[in-house]
Structure formats: structure tokens, C-alpha cells
Amino acid sequence: MVEFICGKCGKEFTDNEIQIKNGFIRCPYCQFRILYKKTPELAVTVKT
């Protein structure tokens, strides 16, 4: 499951909620077309 963040309203949603209209992916809340993929926070432990 991939999570996205809308570039306009800032709401978070999953790929199951995305609306596709006329070949464009849109935010299900405000219909904005710019979405950012939410990346997981990576915790890297390095032994020294």
C-alpha cells in the first residue's frame, strides 16, 4: 500500500483512494493534480 500527500490541501491518502479523471491522477479531496509519495522514515544503525 502506497501513501500519498496532496500538494495543495496536504491530506494523506492511500493509492486505493486516488481518483483518475481523463487520464490524470487527482486528490480525492480537492481534485489537485500534484501528489507526493510519502516515504517511510528510515532508521539506519551502523556499527562502528
Protein backbone atom coordinates (compact mmCIF):
# COMPACT_ATOMS: atom_id res chain seq x y z
CA MET A 1 0.00 0.00 0.00
CA VAL A 2 1.44 3.33 -1.09
CA GLU A 3 0.61 6.55 0.74
CA PHE A 4 0.39 9.95 -0.96
CA ILE A 5 0.21 13.57 0.20
CA CYS A 6 -1.67 16.23 -1.76
CA GLY A 7 0.41 19.26 -2.82
CA LYS A 8 -2.47 21.68 -2.21
CA CYS A 9 -4.56 20.56 0.78
CA GLY A 10 -1.88 18.41 2.46
CA LYS A 11 -4.22 15.49 3.18
CA GLU A 12 -2.77 11.99 3.29
CA PHE A 13 -4.44 9.07 1.50
CA THR A 14 -3.63 5.67 0.01
CA ASP A 15 -3.44 4.53 -3.59
CA ASN A 16 -6.88 2.92 -3.22
CA GLU A 17 -8.46 6.37 -2.72
CA ILE A 18 -6.89 8.13 -5.72
CA GLN A 19 -9.28 9.33 -8.41
CA ILE A 20 -8.36 9.09 -12.09
CA LYS A 21 -10.20 11.52 -14.38
CA ASN A 22 -9.38 11.98 -18.06
CA GLY A 23 -6.12 10.10 -17.60
CA PHE A 24 -4.94 12.34 -14.74
CA ILE A 25 -4.43 11.24 -11.16
CA ARG A 26 -6.14 13.60 -8.71
CA CYS A 27 -6.53 14.14 -4.98
CA PRO A 28 -9.85 12.65 -3.79
CA TYR A 29 -10.48 15.68 -1.55
CA CYS A 30 -9.63 18.80 -3.59
CA GLN A 31 -9.04 17.38 -7.13
CA PHE A 32 -5.48 18.82 -7.27
CA ARG A 33 -3.14 17.00 -9.68
CA ILE A 34 0.20 17.29 -7.83
CA LEU A 35 0.71 14.41 -5.39
CA TYR A 36 3.80 13.43 -3.42
CA LYS A 37 4.62 9.87 -2.49
CA LYS A 38 5.08 9.57 1.26
CA THR A 39 8.39 7.91 2.06
CA PRO A 40 8.84 5.85 5.20
CA GLU A 41 11.15 7.16 7.87
CA LEU A 42 14.31 5.10 7.70
CA ALA A 43 16.27 4.39 10.83
CA VAL A 44 19.71 3.13 9.93
CA THR A 45 22.02 1.76 12.60
CA VAL A 46 25.65 1.50 11.65
CA LYS A 47 28.17 -0.37 13.76
CA THR A 48 31.50 1.40 14.12
